[in-house]
Amino acid sequence: MQTTSEVIDLNGLKRAIEEEMKSLKTLTDEIDKALRATRVAEKIENARRQQNDPKWLRELSAQYTQEVCARTLEVAQSFQPLEG
């Protein structure tokens, strides 16, 4: 059977461990938040770098032009004069 002082020591140890776990949880949350912010910043930087790439801009322009032309032709066919 445990003595009163052993029970008190165990309860104190349990509280200390719980407090340490809370502290570690707080630190973990802060690290996760910092990592998310870093990832977002990296994605923004990569997007800006890509947008400044002349080759990417030419490809985007060509793709846009092709899509606009295709849609324009598609719409134009919808408005063909009725034969009567």
Protein backbone atom coordinates (compact mmCIF):
# COMPACT_ATOMS: atom_id res chain seq x y z
CA MET A 1 0.00 0.00 0.00
CA GLN A 2 1.27 3.46 -0.88
CA THR A 3 1.97 5.99 1.80
CA THR A 4 0.39 9.42 1.78
CA SER A 5 3.67 11.06 0.78
CA GLU A 6 4.04 8.67 -2.19
CA VAL A 7 0.50 9.50 -3.36
CA ILE A 8 1.24 13.23 -3.03
CA ASP A 9 4.49 12.78 -4.96
CA LEU A 10 2.68 10.86 -7.71
CA ASN A 11 -0.07 13.49 -7.92
CA GLY A 12 2.55 16.22 -8.16
CA LEU A 13 4.39 14.29 -10.85
CA LYS A 14 1.13 13.79 -12.75
CA ARG A 15 0.37 17.53 -12.63
CA ALA A 16 3.90 18.36 -13.75
CA ILE A 17 3.61 15.97 -16.70
CA GLU A 18 0.19 17.41 -17.66
CA GLU A 19 1.59 20.95 -17.55
CA GLU A 20 4.55 19.90 -19.67
CA MET A 21 2.20 18.27 -22.18
CA LYS A 22 0.17 21.49 -22.40
CA SER A 23 3.36 23.45 -22.95
CA LEU A 24 4.48 21.04 -25.68
CA LYS A 25 1.04 21.26 -27.32
CA THR A 26 1.32 25.06 -27.38
CA LEU A 27 4.79 24.87 -28.93
CA THR A 28 3.58 22.34 -31.49
CA ASP A 29 0.71 24.64 -32.48
CA GLU A 30 3.11 27.56 -32.88
CA ILE A 31 5.44 25.47 -35.05
CA ASP A 32 2.52 24.30 -37.21
CA LYS A 33 1.37 27.90 -37.65
CA ALA A 34 4.88 29.00 -38.65
CA LEU A 35 5.19 26.14 -41.13
CA ARG A 36 1.84 27.00 -42.73
CA ALA A 37 2.90 30.64 -43.08
CA THR A 38 6.19 29.56 -44.63
CA ARG A 39 4.43 27.28 -47.12
CA VAL A 40 2.04 30.07 -48.13
CA ALA A 41 4.94 32.49 -48.57
CA GLU A 42 6.79 29.92 -50.72
CA LYS A 43 3.71 29.39 -52.92
CA ILE A 44 3.31 33.14 -53.39
CA GLU A 45 6.99 33.53 -54.26
CA ASN A 46 6.81 30.65 -56.76
CA ALA A 47 3.71 32.16 -58.38
CA ARG A 48 5.40 35.56 -58.68
CA ARG A 49 8.53 33.98 -60.13
CA GLN A 50 6.45 32.08 -62.68
CA GLN A 51 4.45 35.18 -63.62
CA ASN A 52 7.68 37.03 -64.36
CA ASP A 53 8.91 34.26 -66.67
CA PRO A 54 8.59 35.54 -70.28
CA LYS A 55 8.17 32.01 -71.65
CA TRP A 56 5.27 31.34 -69.29
CA LEU A 57 3.65 34.64 -70.28
CA ARG A 58 3.92 33.78 -74.00
CA GLU A 59 2.43 30.34 -73.40
CA LEU A 60 -0.41 31.82 -71.36
CA SER A 61 -1.09 34.43 -74.01
CA ALA A 62 -1.17 31.82 -76.78
CA GLN A 63 -3.46 29.58 -74.75
CA TYR A 64 -5.78 32.48 -73.98
CA THR A 65 -5.86 33.52 -77.64
CA GLN A 66 -6.70 29.97 -78.74
CA GLU A 67 -9.48 29.65 -76.19
CA VAL A 68 -10.97 33.03 -77.12
CA CYS A 69 -10.86 32.18 -80.83
CA ALA A 70 -12.47 28.80 -80.26
CA ARG A 71 -15.24 30.28 -78.13
CA THR A 72 -15.81 33.12 -80.60
CA LEU A 73 -16.24 30.63 -83.46
CA GLU A 74 -18.54 28.51 -81.32
CA VAL A 75 -20.74 31.50 -80.49
CA ALA A 76 -20.68 32.73 -84.09
CA GLN A 77 -22.01 29.37 -85.29
CA SER A 78 -24.91 29.72 -82.88
CA PHE A 79 -25.99 32.93 -84.62
CA GLN A 80 -25.98 31.75 -88.22
CA PRO A 81 -28.69 33.43 -90.28
CA LEU A 82 -31.82 31.40 -90.72
CA GLU A 83 -32.39 30.16 -94.22
CA GLY A 84 -35.82 31.00 -95.36
